[in-house]
Amino acid sequence: MGFKPTQIANYWCQGESGYLMTLSAGRVMRWLIQHPMFMSKIFMINNVQDALYFNVHKAYLKEVEAETPAIW
């Protein structure tokens, strides 16, 4: 069975994590849309495994940094 122990340990959750990230990204996007002041100032640009990446204007950085973990 040529699997590494770390591959076996993570196997059961690999498929489900994609669903959770899609859900989380959707919730964060809804939050961004509900705040018109964010338009053209904050963009969700990518997600990789368990992280969302943003392009944020520095005036809004602290607010986004504080709010997004609470949304997930």
Protein backbone atom coordinates (compact mmCIF):
# COMPACT_ATOMS: atom_id res chain seq x y z
CA MET A 1 0.00 0.00 0.00
CA GLY A 2 2.71 2.72 -0.52
CA PHE A 3 0.95 5.43 1.54
CA LYS A 4 2.85 7.61 3.99
CA PRO A 5 1.46 7.81 7.55
CA THR A 6 0.56 11.49 7.04
CA GLN A 7 -1.41 10.64 3.90
CA ILE A 8 -3.36 7.96 5.73
CA ALA A 9 -4.03 10.24 8.70
CA ASN A 10 -5.45 13.00 6.46
CA TYR A 11 -7.27 10.82 3.93
CA TRP A 12 -10.68 10.79 5.64
CA CYS A 13 -11.00 14.58 5.71
CA GLN A 14 -9.48 15.58 2.36
CA GLY A 15 -12.70 15.45 0.35
CA GLU A 16 -14.89 17.09 2.96
CA SER A 17 -12.52 20.02 3.50
CA GLY A 18 -13.29 21.24 -0.01
CA TYR A 19 -16.96 21.54 0.88
CA LEU A 20 -16.16 23.40 4.09
CA MET A 21 -13.90 25.88 2.30
CA THR A 22 -16.55 26.51 -0.35
CA LEU A 23 -19.09 27.20 2.38
CA SER A 24 -16.70 29.47 4.26
CA ALA A 25 -15.75 31.41 1.14
CA GLY A 26 -19.43 31.92 0.35
CA ARG A 27 -20.14 33.24 3.84
CA VAL A 28 -17.21 35.65 3.67
CA MET A 29 -18.29 36.82 0.21
CA ARG A 30 -21.82 37.49 1.46
CA TRP A 31 -20.36 39.55 4.31
CA LEU A 32 -18.32 41.57 1.82
CA ILE A 33 -21.34 42.19 -0.42
CA GLN A 34 -23.44 43.37 2.56
CA HIS A 35 -20.97 46.20 3.14
CA PRO A 36 -21.09 48.56 0.14
CA MET A 37 -18.09 50.51 1.47
CA PHE A 38 -15.93 47.48 0.63
CA MET A 39 -16.72 47.57 -3.09
CA SER A 40 -13.53 47.96 -5.12
CA LYS A 41 -11.50 48.00 -1.89
CA ILE A 42 -11.49 44.31 -0.93
CA PHE A 43 -11.24 41.32 -3.25
CA MET A 44 -11.15 37.64 -2.38
CA ILE A 45 -8.52 36.44 -4.83
CA ASN A 46 -7.82 32.80 -3.99
CA ASN A 47 -8.26 29.94 -1.60
CA VAL A 48 -5.73 27.20 -1.00
CA GLN A 49 -6.69 24.21 1.12
CA ASP A 50 -7.73 25.91 4.35
CA ALA A 51 -6.89 29.56 3.66
CA LEU A 52 -8.61 32.46 1.92
CA TYR A 53 -6.45 35.12 0.32
CA PHE A 54 -7.55 38.72 -0.09
CA ASN A 55 -6.38 41.90 -1.73
CA VAL A 56 -7.36 44.52 0.87
CA HIS A 57 -6.93 48.28 0.88
CA LYS A 58 -4.87 49.19 3.92
CA ALA A 59 -7.68 51.38 5.32
CA TYR A 60 -9.84 48.27 5.77
CA LEU A 61 -7.18 45.75 6.75
CA LYS A 62 -7.82 45.74 10.52
CA GLU A 63 -11.57 45.32 10.09
CA VAL A 64 -11.25 42.44 7.62
CA GLU A 65 -8.55 40.84 9.73
CA ALA A 66 -10.81 40.93 12.80
CA GLU A 67 -14.09 39.91 11.16
CA THR A 68 -13.25 37.10 8.75
CA PRO A 69 -12.21 34.50 11.37
CA ALA A 70 -15.50 35.11 13.20
CA ILE A 71 -17.50 34.47 10.01
CA TRP A 72 -15.98 31.05 9.35
